[in-house]
Amino acid sequence: MRWQGQALDETDAEALPGLENRSGIVRTVTTPEFAGMTFHEVLAKSALNRVPAGSRMPFSWTINPYRGCSHACLYCFARGTHQYLDLDGGADFDSQIVVKTNVAEVLQKELRRGSWRHEMVALGTNTDPYQRAEGRYRLMPDIVRALTESGTPISILTKGTLIRRDVPLLVDAAASVPIDISMSIAMYDDELQHSIEPGTPSTQARLDTVRALTNAGFRVSVFLMPVLPHLTDSVAAIDTALQKIASAGADHVIYGALHLRTGVKSWFMQWLQREHPELMSSYRVLYPGAAANAPKEYRQWLARRVRPLIRAYGLEARHSDAGVPAPRLPSAAVAAAPAPTLF
């Protein structure tokens, strides 16, 4: 594995950002409390990661206290990053978790630099900061404190209900800096959720967390992503999802179709072949070869289906694909909107 940079006084230029160098010794931890999981504790060289120039993301900096994620979502776009550690993007991504134990300490030093411009910092854009490991390592409270004390706005995206532990801290922080919180809830069928997101809290538990955050005074967005072709894109499925999201008190919804980049597609397709073999031919048409995005025609069709329902529930929305128009149709047109004949 690419852990050379974790030896004393050695540097690995090919290692993942933050894992190039350390002045201590890696400790690998297993514990009965987290059966089947291994934690690789490392000392990070950096905490803040700059978002590549030209990105459409509404932020310029991210922090990833963990690599790998026990939520084990089959569609997770970050799976491919584990291959840089000579680990696979399947079972290893779900169970071999890299923990940057000193991330808050390094962050404090970076935030004290005169060059820091106090731009928004996003957490949860790669792997979840409130996954199960956070219950053991408690990295987030010190990260939130460091950002708050430096006057840096914070954005958090999570599937983890563990964020409720930090609600009092986040409320205090929000008195000083802008805080944006989003909960990712894509599956509203319990059987499908357990199958494709086996390590996540239940859908209802996440909806309850939206309500708890809303009651604490936050405007919470819900990521209805990914929408799975032929599995969660029916009018009934979308309507059920939006009704529950609205009832939980969410402020708005961000939605988008399934994205299958290299390093993820093979694992997702293995699941699809096992659980829904009848859909394999359709998905091969939707995501041929190395294609990561669903075709433009499908995304436009999905927008025509979702937007009227979102308006009906009073949920402000923006599409994850900025290049796809979201036509305004009367609600009565939703059920009648035909799927593209290509699919």
C-alpha atoms as a PDB file:
ATOM      1  CA  MET A   1       0.000   0.000   0.000  1.00  0.00           C
ATOM      2  CA  ARG A   2       1.084   3.617  -0.418  1.00  0.00           C
ATOM      3  CA  TRP A   3       1.970   4.164   3.203  1.00  0.00           C
ATOM      4  CA  GLN A   4       5.665   4.913   2.615  1.00  0.00           C
ATOM      5  CA  GLY A   5       5.073   8.513   3.555  1.00  0.00           C
ATOM      6  CA  GLN A   6       3.865   7.375   6.957  1.00  0.00           C
ATOM      7  CA  ALA A   7       7.303   6.129   7.961  1.00  0.00           C
ATOM      8  CA  LEU A   8       9.582   8.430   9.936  1.00  0.00           C
ATOM      9  CA  ASP A   9      11.156  11.220   7.877  1.00  0.00           C
ATOM     10  CA  GLU A  10       9.986   9.782   4.552  1.00  0.00           C
ATOM     11  CA  THR A  11       7.837  11.433   1.896  1.00  0.00           C
ATOM     12  CA  ASP A  12       5.750   9.816  -0.825  1.00  0.00           C
ATOM     13  CA  ALA A  13       4.958  12.294  -3.603  1.00  0.00           C
ATOM     14  CA  GLU A  14       2.279   9.949  -4.999  1.00  0.00           C
ATOM     15  CA  ALA A  15       0.345   9.583  -1.767  1.00  0.00           C
ATOM     16  CA  LEU A  16      -3.098  11.103  -1.283  1.00  0.00           C
ATOM     17  CA  PRO A  17      -3.172  14.753  -0.151  1.00  0.00           C
ATOM     18  CA  GLY A  18      -2.514  14.874   3.568  1.00  0.00           C
ATOM     19  CA  LEU A  19      -0.897  11.443   3.662  1.00  0.00           C
ATOM     20  CA  GLU A  20       2.491  12.315   2.159  1.00  0.00           C
ATOM     21  CA  ASN A  21       4.411  12.657   5.391  1.00  0.00           C
ATOM     22  CA  ARG A  22       4.190  12.195   9.133  1.00  0.00           C
ATOM     23  CA  SER A  23       6.425  12.347  12.174  1.00  0.00           C
ATOM     24  CA  GLY A  24       4.932   9.415  14.049  1.00  0.00           C
ATOM     25  CA  ILE A  25       3.950   5.815  13.469  1.00  0.00           C
ATOM     26  CA  VAL A  26       0.753   4.575  11.885  1.00  0.00           C
ATOM     27  CA  ARG A  27      -1.486   2.652  14.273  1.00  0.00           C
ATOM     28  CA  THR A  28      -3.962   0.178  12.840  1.00  0.00           C
ATOM     29  CA  VAL A  29      -6.917  -0.426  15.139  1.00  0.00           C
ATOM     30  CA  THR A  30      -9.600  -3.087  15.276  1.00  0.00           C
ATOM     31  CA  THR A  31     -12.160  -3.270  18.045  1.00  0.00           C
ATOM     32  CA  PRO A  32     -15.203  -5.463  18.826  1.00  0.00           C
ATOM     33  CA  GLU A  33     -17.299  -2.294  18.965  1.00  0.00           C
ATOM     34  CA  PHE A  34     -16.738  -1.914  15.208  1.00  0.00           C
ATOM     35  CA  ALA A  35     -16.707  -5.527  14.070  1.00  0.00           C
ATOM     36  CA  GLY A  36     -15.397  -6.026  10.550  1.00  0.00           C
ATOM     37  CA  MET A  37     -13.813  -2.574  10.373  1.00  0.00           C
ATOM     38  CA  THR A  38     -10.182  -1.506  10.536  1.00  0.00           C
ATOM     39  CA  PHE A  39      -9.103   2.033  11.349  1.00  0.00           C
ATOM     40  CA  HIS A  40      -5.771   3.269  10.002  1.00  0.00           C
ATOM     41  CA  GLU A  41      -4.778   6.213  12.198  1.00  0.00           C
ATOM     42  CA  VAL A  42      -2.477   8.672  10.406  1.00  0.00           C
ATOM     43  CA  LEU A  43      -1.093  12.129  11.002  1.00  0.00           C
ATOM     44  CA  ALA A  44      -2.161  14.468   8.222  1.00  0.00           C
ATOM     45  CA  LYS A  45       0.184  17.027   6.734  1.00  0.00           C
ATOM     46  CA  SER A  46      -2.709  19.250   5.634  1.00  0.00           C
ATOM     47  CA  ALA A  47      -6.372  19.639   6.484  1.00  0.00           C
ATOM     48  CA  LEU A  48      -7.688  22.117   3.925  1.00  0.00           C
ATOM     49  CA  ASN A  49      -8.031  20.849   0.358  1.00  0.00           C
ATOM     50  CA  ARG A  50      -8.473  23.356  -2.464  1.00  0.00           C
ATOM     51  CA  VAL A  51     -11.254  22.538  -4.934  1.00  0.00           C
ATOM     52  CA  PRO A  52      -9.820  22.331  -8.484  1.00  0.00           C
ATOM     53  CA  ALA A  53     -10.146  25.464 -10.583  1.00  0.00           C
ATOM     54  CA  GLY A  54     -13.124  25.331 -12.916  1.00  0.00           C
ATOM     55  CA  SER A  55     -15.232  23.226 -10.558  1.00  0.00           C
ATOM     56  CA  ARG A  56     -18.952  24.034 -10.415  1.00  0.00           C
ATOM     57  CA  MET A  57     -18.956  23.572  -6.649  1.00  0.00           C
ATOM     58  CA  PRO A  58     -20.142  26.629  -4.662  1.00  0.00           C
ATOM     59  CA  PHE A  59     -17.113  26.425  -2.372  1.00  0.00           C
ATOM     60  CA  SER A  60     -13.344  26.517  -2.802  1.00  0.00           C
ATOM     61  CA  TRP A  61     -12.154  24.412   0.139  1.00  0.00           C
ATOM     62  CA  THR A  62     -12.982  21.053   1.699  1.00  0.00           C
ATOM     63  CA  ILE A  63     -11.908  19.018   4.720  1.00  0.00           C
ATOM     64  CA  ASN A  64     -11.982  15.209   4.741  1.00  0.00           C
ATOM     65  CA  PRO A  65     -11.219  13.868   8.230  1.00  0.00           C
ATOM     66  CA  TYR A  66     -11.794  10.298   7.011  1.00  0.00           C
ATOM     67  CA  ARG A  67     -11.064   8.279   3.858  1.00  0.00           C
ATOM     68  CA  GLY A  68     -13.343   5.354   3.162  1.00  0.00           C
ATOM     69  CA  CYS A  69     -16.848   5.217   4.612  1.00  0.00           C
ATOM     70  CA  SER A  70     -18.771   2.639   6.605  1.00  0.00           C
ATOM     71  CA  HIS A  71     -22.053   3.820   5.100  1.00  0.00           C
ATOM     72  CA  ALA A  72     -21.140   1.472   2.231  1.00  0.00           C
ATOM     73  CA  CYS A  73     -23.343   3.167  -0.386  1.00  0.00           C
ATOM     74  CA  LEU A  74     -22.871   1.196  -3.602  1.00  0.00           C
ATOM     75  CA  TYR A  75     -23.111   4.330  -5.753  1.00  0.00           C
ATOM     76  CA  CYS A  76     -20.632   6.472  -3.771  1.00  0.00           C
ATOM     77  CA  PHE A  77     -18.470   8.447  -6.208  1.00  0.00           C
ATOM     78  CA  ALA A  78     -15.514   8.441  -3.775  1.00  0.00           C
ATOM     79  CA  ARG A  79     -14.920   4.692  -3.995  1.00  0.00           C
ATOM     80  CA  GLY A  80     -12.219   5.108  -6.604  1.00  0.00           C
ATOM     81  CA  THR A  81     -10.046   7.154  -4.234  1.00  0.00           C
ATOM     82  CA  HIS A  82      -9.265   4.044  -2.182  1.00  0.00           C
ATOM     83  CA  GLN A  83      -7.384   2.605  -5.133  1.00  0.00           C
ATOM     84  CA  TYR A  84      -4.655   5.206  -4.587  1.00  0.00           C
ATOM     85  CA  LEU A  85      -3.907   3.392  -1.329  1.00  0.00           C
ATOM     86  CA  ASP A  86      -3.796   0.033  -3.137  1.00  0.00           C
ATOM     87  CA  LEU A  87      -7.138  -0.814  -1.533  1.00  0.00           C
ATOM     88  CA  ASP A  88     -10.199  -1.725  -3.557  1.00  0.00           C
ATOM     89  CA  GLY A  89     -13.243   0.470  -4.003  1.00  0.00           C
ATOM     90  CA  GLY A  90     -15.604  -2.226  -2.755  1.00  0.00           C
ATOM     91  CA  ALA A  91     -15.314  -3.984   0.598  1.00  0.00           C
ATOM     92  CA  ASP A  92     -12.096  -2.129   1.473  1.00  0.00           C
ATOM     93  CA  PHE A  93     -13.737   1.257   0.977  1.00  0.00           C
ATOM     94  CA  ASP A  94     -16.504   0.171   3.364  1.00  0.00           C
ATOM     95  CA  SER A  95     -14.273  -1.294   6.064  1.00  0.00           C
ATOM     96  CA  GLN A  96     -10.695   0.080   5.810  1.00  0.00           C
ATOM     97  CA  ILE A  97     -11.099   3.599   7.165  1.00  0.00           C
ATOM     98  CA  VAL A  98      -8.240   6.104   7.184  1.00  0.00           C
ATOM     99  CA  VAL A  99      -8.535   8.450  10.178  1.00  0.00           C
ATOM    100  CA  LYS A 100      -6.616  11.747  10.235  1.00  0.00           C
ATOM    101  CA  THR A 101      -6.303  11.936  13.991  1.00  0.00           C
ATOM    102  CA  ASN A 102      -4.552  15.311  14.056  1.00  0.00           C
ATOM    103  CA  VAL A 103      -6.758  17.031  11.469  1.00  0.00           C
ATOM    104  CA  ALA A 104      -8.117  19.686  13.851  1.00  0.00           C
ATOM    105  CA  GLU A 105      -4.647  20.621  15.097  1.00  0.00           C
ATOM    106  CA  VAL A 106      -3.350  20.993  11.536  1.00  0.00           C
ATOM    107  CA  LEU A 107      -6.461  22.965  10.575  1.00  0.00           C
ATOM    108  CA  GLN A 108      -5.917  25.467  13.386  1.00  0.00           C
ATOM    109  CA  LYS A 109      -2.430  26.209  12.069  1.00  0.00           C
ATOM    110  CA  GLU A 110      -3.665  26.613   8.484  1.00  0.00           C
ATOM    111  CA  LEU A 111      -6.441  28.981   9.541  1.00  0.00           C
ATOM    112  CA  ARG A 112      -3.940  31.224  11.331  1.00  0.00           C
ATOM    113  CA  ARG A 113      -2.049  31.925   8.117  1.00  0.00           C
ATOM    114  CA  GLY A 114      -2.206  35.506   6.931  1.00  0.00           C
ATOM    115  CA  SER A 115      -3.174  34.279   3.475  1.00  0.00           C
ATOM    116  CA  TRP A 116      -6.402  32.635   4.696  1.00  0.00           C
ATOM    117  CA  ARG A 117      -9.377  34.497   3.199  1.00  0.00           C
ATOM    118  CA  HIS A 118     -12.146  32.945   5.326  1.00  0.00           C
ATOM    119  CA  GLU A 119     -13.875  31.307   2.361  1.00  0.00           C
ATOM    120  CA  MET A 120     -16.545  28.693   3.014  1.00  0.00           C
ATOM    121  CA  VAL A 121     -15.207  25.236   3.887  1.00  0.00           C
ATOM    122  CA  ALA A 122     -17.279  22.166   3.025  1.00  0.00           C
ATOM    123  CA  LEU A 123     -17.314  18.864   4.900  1.00  0.00           C
ATOM    124  CA  GLY A 124     -18.909  15.708   3.544  1.00  0.00           C
ATOM    125  CA  THR A 125     -18.156  16.268  -0.122  1.00  0.00           C
ATOM    126  CA  ASN A 126     -15.964  13.152  -0.368  1.00  0.00           C
ATOM    127  CA  THR A 127     -16.650  10.799   2.539  1.00  0.00           C
ATOM    128  CA  ASP A 128     -19.084  11.375   5.393  1.00  0.00           C
ATOM    129  CA  PRO A 129     -17.694  13.268   8.409  1.00  0.00           C
ATOM    130  CA  TYR A 130     -20.450  11.794  10.586  1.00  0.00           C
ATOM    131  CA  GLN A 131     -19.967   8.140   9.656  1.00  0.00           C
ATOM    132  CA  ARG A 132     -19.666   5.575  12.454  1.00  0.00           C
ATOM    133  CA  ALA A 133     -15.946   6.240  13.011  1.00  0.00           C
ATOM    134  CA  GLU A 134     -16.812   9.737  14.222  1.00  0.00           C
ATOM    135  CA  GLY A 135     -18.482   8.170  17.246  1.00  0.00           C
ATOM    136  CA  ARG A 136     -15.073   6.837  18.253  1.00  0.00           C
ATOM    137  CA  TYR A 137     -12.729   9.630  17.181  1.00  0.00           C
ATOM    138  CA  ARG A 138     -14.851  12.769  17.713  1.00  0.00           C
ATOM    139  CA  LEU A 139     -12.954  14.843  15.149  1.00  0.00           C
ATOM    140  CA  MET A 140     -15.844  17.077  14.109  1.00  0.00           C
ATOM    141  CA  PRO A 141     -16.319  19.138  17.295  1.00  0.00           C
ATOM    142  CA  ASP A 142     -12.748  20.454  17.185  1.00  0.00           C
ATOM    143  CA  ILE A 143     -13.006  21.057  13.425  1.00  0.00           C
ATOM    144  CA  VAL A 144     -16.196  23.088  13.899  1.00  0.00           C
ATOM    145  CA  ARG A 145     -14.626  25.040  16.765  1.00  0.00           C
ATOM    146  CA  ALA A 146     -11.498  25.830  14.741  1.00  0.00           C
ATOM    147  CA  LEU A 147     -13.500  27.072  11.757  1.00  0.00           C
ATOM    148  CA  THR A 148     -15.842  29.088  13.961  1.00  0.00           C
ATOM    149  CA  GLU A 149     -13.066  30.747  15.962  1.00  0.00           C
ATOM    150  CA  SER A 150     -11.368  31.779  12.712  1.00  0.00           C
ATOM    151  CA  GLY A 151     -14.579  33.290  11.315  1.00  0.00           C
ATOM    152  CA  THR A 152     -14.856  30.721   8.509  1.00  0.00           C
ATOM    153  CA  PRO A 153     -18.308  29.764   7.093  1.00  0.00           C
ATOM    154  CA  ILE A 154     -19.113  26.046   7.274  1.00  0.00           C
ATOM    155  CA  SER A 155     -21.037  23.690   5.004  1.00  0.00           C
ATOM    156  CA  ILE A 156     -21.854  20.142   6.147  1.00  0.00           C
ATOM    157  CA  LEU A 157     -23.347  17.335   4.050  1.00  0.00           C
ATOM    158  CA  THR A 158     -24.041  14.043   5.805  1.00  0.00           C
ATOM    159  CA  LYS A 159     -26.106  10.880   5.940  1.00  0.00           C
ATOM    160  CA  GLY A 160     -25.122  10.455   9.590  1.00  0.00           C
ATOM    161  CA  THR A 161     -27.557  10.986  12.426  1.00  0.00           C
ATOM    162  CA  LEU A 162     -24.534  11.462  14.695  1.00  0.00           C
ATOM    163  CA  ILE A 163     -24.677  15.145  13.759  1.00  0.00           C
ATOM    164  CA  ARG A 164     -27.408  15.428  16.401  1.00  0.00           C
ATOM    165  CA  ARG A 165     -24.692  15.032  19.036  1.00  0.00           C
ATOM    166  CA  ASP A 166     -23.211  18.336  17.862  1.00  0.00           C
ATOM    167  CA  VAL A 167     -26.421  20.370  17.562  1.00  0.00           C
ATOM    168  CA  PRO A 168     -25.658  22.537  20.641  1.00  0.00           C
ATOM    169  CA  LEU A 169     -22.154  23.221  19.300  1.00  0.00           C
ATOM    170  CA  LEU A 170     -23.498  24.053  15.841  1.00  0.00           C
ATOM    171  CA  VAL A 171     -26.129  26.368  17.290  1.00  0.00           C
ATOM    172  CA  ASP A 172     -23.431  28.266  19.174  1.00  0.00           C
ATOM    173  CA  ALA A 173     -21.231  28.362  16.066  1.00  0.00           C
ATOM    174  CA  ALA A 174     -24.090  29.713  13.939  1.00  0.00           C
ATOM    175  CA  ALA A 175     -24.158  32.809  16.114  1.00  0.00           C
ATOM    176  CA  SER A 176     -20.706  33.673  14.747  1.00  0.00           C
ATOM    177  CA  VAL A 177     -20.453  32.234  11.228  1.00  0.00           C
ATOM    178  CA  PRO A 178     -22.854  31.103   8.478  1.00  0.00           C
ATOM    179  CA  ILE A 179     -23.535  27.358   8.694  1.00  0.00           C
ATOM    180  CA  ASP A 180     -25.174  25.403   5.881  1.00  0.00           C
ATOM    181  CA  ILE A 181     -26.401  21.882   6.691  1.00  0.00           C
ATOM    182  CA  SER A 182     -27.640  19.282   4.220  1.00  0.00           C
ATOM    183  CA  MET A 183     -28.864  15.739   4.818  1.00  0.00           C
ATOM    184  CA  SER A 184     -28.525  13.161   2.057  1.00  0.00           C
ATOM    185  CA  ILE A 185     -31.645  10.971   1.822  1.00  0.00           C
ATOM    186  CA  ALA A 186     -32.078   9.244  -1.517  1.00  0.00           C
ATOM    187  CA  MET A 187     -33.979   6.021  -0.705  1.00  0.00           C
ATOM    188  CA  TYR A 188     -37.515   5.935   0.712  1.00  0.00           C
ATOM    189  CA  ASP A 189     -38.131   2.215   0.322  1.00  0.00           C
ATOM    190  CA  ASP A 190     -36.698   0.421   3.363  1.00  0.00           C
ATOM    191  CA  GLU A 191     -35.753  -2.745   1.495  1.00  0.00           C
ATOM    192  CA  LEU A 192     -33.933  -0.827  -1.235  1.00  0.00           C
ATOM    193  CA  GLN A 193     -32.211   1.399   1.305  1.00  0.00           C
ATOM    194  CA  HIS A 194     -30.894  -1.583   3.289  1.00  0.00           C
ATOM    195  CA  SER A 195     -29.682  -3.214   0.088  1.00  0.00           C
ATOM    196  CA  ILE A 196     -27.881  -0.307  -1.552  1.00  0.00           C
ATOM    197  CA  GLU A 197     -26.871   1.728   1.547  1.00  0.00           C
ATOM    198  CA  PRO A 198     -26.337  -1.055   4.094  1.00  0.00           C
ATOM    199  CA  GLY A 199     -24.285   0.975   6.571  1.00  0.00           C
ATOM    200  CA  THR A 200     -26.431   4.097   6.730  1.00  0.00           C
ATOM    201  CA  PRO A 201     -28.955   5.093   9.382  1.00  0.00           C
ATOM    202  CA  SER A 202     -32.516   4.382   8.324  1.00  0.00           C
ATOM    203  CA  THR A 203     -34.392   6.827   6.149  1.00  0.00           C
ATOM    204  CA  GLN A 204     -36.725   7.661   9.028  1.00  0.00           C
ATOM    205  CA  ALA A 205     -33.811   8.292  11.380  1.00  0.00           C
ATOM    206  CA  ARG A 206     -32.374  10.779   8.889  1.00  0.00           C
ATOM    207  CA  LEU A 207     -35.748  12.478   8.442  1.00  0.00           C
ATOM    208  CA  ASP A 208     -35.975  12.753  12.224  1.00  0.00           C
ATOM    209  CA  THR A 209     -32.530  14.369  12.171  1.00  0.00           C
ATOM    210  CA  VAL A 210     -33.744  16.917   9.621  1.00  0.00           C
ATOM    211  CA  ARG A 211     -36.568  17.739  12.014  1.00  0.00           C
ATOM    212  CA  ALA A 212     -34.171  18.046  14.975  1.00  0.00           C
ATOM    213  CA  LEU A 213     -31.900  20.404  13.030  1.00  0.00           C
ATOM    214  CA  THR A 214     -34.879  22.424  11.817  1.00  0.00           C
ATOM    215  CA  ASN A 215     -36.200  22.704  15.370  1.00  0.00           C
ATOM    216  CA  ALA A 216     -32.762  23.988  16.376  1.00  0.00           C
ATOM    217  CA  GLY A 217     -33.169  26.855  13.917  1.00  0.00           C
ATOM    218  CA  PHE A 218     -31.291  25.619  10.839  1.00  0.00           C
ATOM    219  CA  ARG A 219     -32.591  25.781   7.278  1.00  0.00           C
ATOM    220  CA  VAL A 220     -31.816  22.226   6.185  1.00  0.00           C
ATOM    221  CA  SER A 221     -31.582  21.092   2.581  1.00  0.00           C
ATOM    222  CA  VAL A 222     -32.092  17.477   1.531  1.00  0.00           C
ATOM    223  CA  PHE A 223     -30.089  15.881  -1.259  1.00  0.00           C
ATOM    224  CA  LEU A 224     -32.492  13.629  -3.160  1.00  0.00           C
ATOM    225  CA  MET A 225     -29.530  12.072  -4.906  1.00  0.00           C
ATOM    226  CA  PRO A 226     -29.029   9.846  -6.648  1.00  0.00           C
ATOM    227  CA  VAL A 227     -32.343   9.226  -8.364  1.00  0.00           C
ATOM    228  CA  LEU A 228     -32.016   5.674  -9.717  1.00  0.00           C
ATOM    229  CA  PRO A 229     -33.462   5.023 -13.182  1.00  0.00           C
ATOM    230  CA  HIS A 230     -36.370   2.537 -13.049  1.00  0.00           C
ATOM    231  CA  LEU A 231     -35.984   2.151  -9.273  1.00  0.00           C
ATOM    232  CA  THR A 232     -36.715   5.529  -7.678  1.00  0.00           C
ATOM    233  CA  ASP A 233     -37.744   7.759 -10.587  1.00  0.00           C
ATOM    234  CA  SER A 234     -41.479   6.982 -10.741  1.00  0.00           C
ATOM    235  CA  VAL A 235     -44.011   9.687  -9.897  1.00  0.00           C
ATOM    236  CA  ALA A 236     -45.122   7.648  -6.877  1.00  0.00           C
ATOM    237  CA  ALA A 237     -41.567   7.253  -5.555  1.00  0.00           C
ATOM    238  CA  ILE A 238     -40.690  10.911  -6.022  1.00  0.00           C
ATOM    239  CA  ASP A 239     -43.970  12.094  -4.530  1.00  0.00           C
ATOM    240  CA  THR A 240     -43.476   9.869  -1.470  1.00  0.00           C
ATOM    241  CA  ALA A 241     -39.948  11.191  -0.994  1.00  0.00           C
ATOM    242  CA  LEU A 242     -40.945  14.843  -1.262  1.00  0.00           C
ATOM    243  CA  GLN A 243     -43.941  14.425   1.028  1.00  0.00           C
ATOM    244  CA  LYS A 244     -41.679  12.977   3.747  1.00  0.00           C
ATOM    245  CA  ILE A 245     -39.002  15.601   3.189  1.00  0.00           C
ATOM    246  CA  ALA A 246     -41.534  18.411   3.493  1.00  0.00           C
ATOM    247  CA  SER A 247     -43.070  16.856   6.606  1.00  0.00           C
ATOM    248  CA  ALA A 248     -39.628  16.737   8.212  1.00  0.00           C
ATOM    249  CA  GLY A 249     -39.348  20.511   7.824  1.00  0.00           C
ATOM    250  CA  ALA A 250     -36.636  20.694   5.166  1.00  0.00           C
ATOM    251  CA  ASP A 251     -36.127  24.044   3.506  1.00  0.00           C
ATOM    252  CA  HIS A 252     -35.333  22.858  -0.024  1.00  0.00           C
ATOM    253  CA  VAL A 253     -34.310  19.893  -2.153  1.00  0.00           C
ATOM    254  CA  ILE A 254     -31.350  19.281  -4.445  1.00  0.00           C
ATOM    255  CA  TYR A 255     -31.845  16.372  -6.815  1.00  0.00           C
ATOM    256  CA  GLY A 256     -29.990  14.600  -9.599  1.00  0.00           C
ATOM    257  CA  ALA A 257     -29.707  11.347 -11.513  1.00  0.00           C
ATOM    258  CA  LEU A 258     -27.321   8.522 -10.693  1.00  0.00           C
ATOM    259  CA  HIS A 259     -23.674   9.268 -11.552  1.00  0.00           C
ATOM    260  CA  LEU A 260     -21.346   6.294 -12.117  1.00  0.00           C
ATOM    261  CA  ARG A 261     -17.740   7.322 -12.568  1.00  0.00           C
ATOM    262  CA  THR A 262     -14.826   4.938 -13.059  1.00  0.00           C
ATOM    263  CA  GLY A 263     -14.057   3.068  -9.856  1.00  0.00           C
ATOM    264  CA  VAL A 264     -17.722   3.013  -8.866  1.00  0.00           C
ATOM    265  CA  LYS A 265     -19.518   1.589 -11.872  1.00  0.00           C
ATOM    266  CA  SER A 266     -18.182  -1.959 -11.562  1.00  0.00           C
ATOM    267  CA  TRP A 267     -19.290  -2.269  -7.926  1.00  0.00           C
ATOM    268  CA  PHE A 268     -22.714  -0.799  -8.629  1.00  0.00           C
ATOM    269  CA  MET A 269     -23.239  -3.040 -11.650  1.00  0.00           C
ATOM    270  CA  GLN A 270     -22.357  -6.110  -9.602  1.00  0.00           C
ATOM    271  CA  TRP A 271     -25.109  -5.151  -7.165  1.00  0.00           C
ATOM    272  CA  LEU A 272     -27.556  -4.474  -9.999  1.00  0.00           C
ATOM    273  CA  GLN A 273     -26.813  -7.837 -11.621  1.00  0.00           C
ATOM    274  CA  ARG A 274     -27.451  -9.570  -8.306  1.00  0.00           C
ATOM    275  CA  GLU A 275     -30.537  -7.650  -7.176  1.00  0.00           C
ATOM    276  CA  HIS A 276     -32.174  -6.426 -10.410  1.00  0.00           C
ATOM    277  CA  PRO A 277     -30.837  -8.396 -13.380  1.00  0.00           C
ATOM    278  CA  GLU A 278     -33.880  -7.361 -15.424  1.00  0.00           C
ATOM    279  CA  LEU A 279     -32.493  -3.795 -15.495  1.00  0.00           C
ATOM    280  CA  MET A 280     -28.982  -4.612 -16.720  1.00  0.00           C
ATOM    281  CA  SER A 281     -29.682  -4.038 -20.407  1.00  0.00           C
ATOM    282  CA  SER A 282     -31.328  -0.675 -19.712  1.00  0.00           C
ATOM    283  CA  TYR A 283     -28.439   0.510 -17.537  1.00  0.00           C
ATOM    284  CA  ARG A 284     -25.934  -0.515 -20.198  1.00  0.00           C
ATOM    285  CA  VAL A 285     -27.769   1.816 -22.581  1.00  0.00           C
ATOM    286  CA  LEU A 286     -27.974   4.607 -19.998  1.00  0.00           C
ATOM    287  CA  TYR A 287     -24.331   4.279 -18.900  1.00  0.00           C
ATOM    288  CA  PRO A 288     -22.389   2.790 -21.820  1.00  0.00           C
ATOM    289  CA  GLY A 289     -18.663   2.155 -21.595  1.00  0.00           C
ATOM    290  CA  ALA A 290     -16.942   4.753 -19.436  1.00  0.00           C
ATOM    291  CA  ALA A 291     -19.925   7.151 -19.443  1.00  0.00           C
ATOM    292  CA  ALA A 292     -20.559   8.482 -15.938  1.00  0.00           C
ATOM    293  CA  ASN A 293     -23.654  10.619 -16.512  1.00  0.00           C
ATOM    294  CA  ALA A 294     -27.087   9.528 -17.601  1.00  0.00           C
ATOM    295  CA  PRO A 295     -27.927  10.879 -21.074  1.00  0.00           C
ATOM    296  CA  LYS A 296     -29.083  14.471 -21.365  1.00  0.00           C
ATOM    297  CA  GLU A 297     -32.492  13.284 -22.560  1.00  0.00           C
ATOM    298  CA  TYR A 298     -33.016  11.288 -19.371  1.00  0.00           C
ATOM    299  CA  ARG A 299     -31.901  14.155 -17.146  1.00  0.00           C
ATOM    300  CA  GLN A 300     -34.242  16.565 -18.893  1.00  0.00           C
ATOM    301  CA  TRP A 301     -37.099  14.093 -18.553  1.00  0.00           C
ATOM    302  CA  LEU A 302     -36.315  13.699 -14.850  1.00  0.00           C
ATOM    303  CA  ALA A 303     -36.353  17.472 -14.391  1.00  0.00           C
ATOM    304  CA  ARG A 304     -39.788  17.722 -16.034  1.00  0.00           C
ATOM    305  CA  ARG A 305     -41.046  15.052 -13.661  1.00  0.00           C
ATOM    306  CA  VAL A 306     -39.517  16.319 -10.419  1.00  0.00           C
ATOM    307  CA  ARG A 307     -39.894  20.087 -10.608  1.00  0.00           C
ATOM    308  CA  PRO A 308     -43.721  20.292 -10.537  1.00  0.00           C
ATOM    309  CA  LEU A 309     -43.822  17.963  -7.549  1.00  0.00           C
ATOM    310  CA  ILE A 310     -41.242  20.062  -5.722  1.00  0.00           C
ATOM    311  CA  ARG A 311     -43.344  23.175  -6.322  1.00  0.00           C
ATOM    312  CA  ALA A 312     -46.420  21.366  -5.074  1.00  0.00           C
ATOM    313  CA  TYR A 313     -44.698  20.736  -1.726  1.00  0.00           C
ATOM    314  CA  GLY A 314     -43.288  24.250  -1.463  1.00  0.00           C
ATOM    315  CA  LEU A 315     -39.677  23.095  -1.610  1.00  0.00           C
ATOM    316  CA  GLU A 316     -37.284  25.419  -3.394  1.00  0.00           C
ATOM    317  CA  ALA A 317     -34.964  23.443  -5.634  1.00  0.00           C
ATOM    318  CA  ARG A 318     -32.049  23.591  -7.976  1.00  0.00           C
ATOM    319  CA  HIS A 319     -30.877  20.800 -10.222  1.00  0.00           C
ATOM    320  CA  SER A 320     -27.442  19.303  -9.607  1.00  0.00           C
ATOM    321  CA  ASP A 321     -26.740  19.564 -13.341  1.00  0.00           C
ATOM    322  CA  ALA A 322     -26.535  23.286 -14.043  1.00  0.00           C
ATOM    323  CA  GLY A 323     -26.590  22.659 -17.765  1.00  0.00           C
ATOM    324  CA  VAL A 324     -30.011  21.018 -17.811  1.00  0.00           C
ATOM    325  CA  PRO A 325     -33.040  23.306 -17.976  1.00  0.00           C
ATOM    326  CA  ALA A 326     -35.887  22.604 -15.579  1.00  0.00           C
ATOM    327  CA  PRO A 327     -39.062  23.492 -17.488  1.00  0.00           C
ATOM    328  CA  ARG A 328     -42.044  24.733 -15.516  1.00  0.00           C
ATOM    329  CA  LEU A 329     -44.981  22.442 -16.189  1.00  0.00           C
ATOM    330  CA  PRO A 330     -48.413  22.420 -14.604  1.00  0.00           C
ATOM    331  CA  SER A 331     -48.743  19.747 -11.912  1.00  0.00           C
ATOM    332  CA  ALA A 332     -51.276  17.835 -13.977  1.00  0.00           C
ATOM    333  CA  ALA A 333     -48.607  17.257 -16.602  1.00  0.00           C
ATOM    334  CA  VAL A 334     -46.291  15.332 -14.287  1.00  0.00           C
ATOM    335  CA  ALA A 335     -47.873  11.921 -14.484  1.00  0.00           C
ATOM    336  CA  ALA A 336     -48.427  12.299 -18.196  1.00  0.00           C
ATOM    337  CA  ALA A 337     -44.798  13.187 -19.016  1.00  0.00           C
ATOM    338  CA  PRO A 338     -43.503  10.206 -20.996  1.00  0.00           C
ATOM    339  CA  ALA A 339     -40.085   8.698 -20.470  1.00  0.00           C
ATOM    340  CA  PRO A 340     -37.664   9.111 -23.366  1.00  0.00           C
ATOM    341  CA  THR A 341     -38.226   6.326 -25.859  1.00  0.00           C
ATOM    342  CA  LEU A 342     -34.469   5.660 -25.851  1.00  0.00           C
ATOM    343  CA  PHE A 343     -34.849   3.986 -22.476  1.00  0.00           C
END
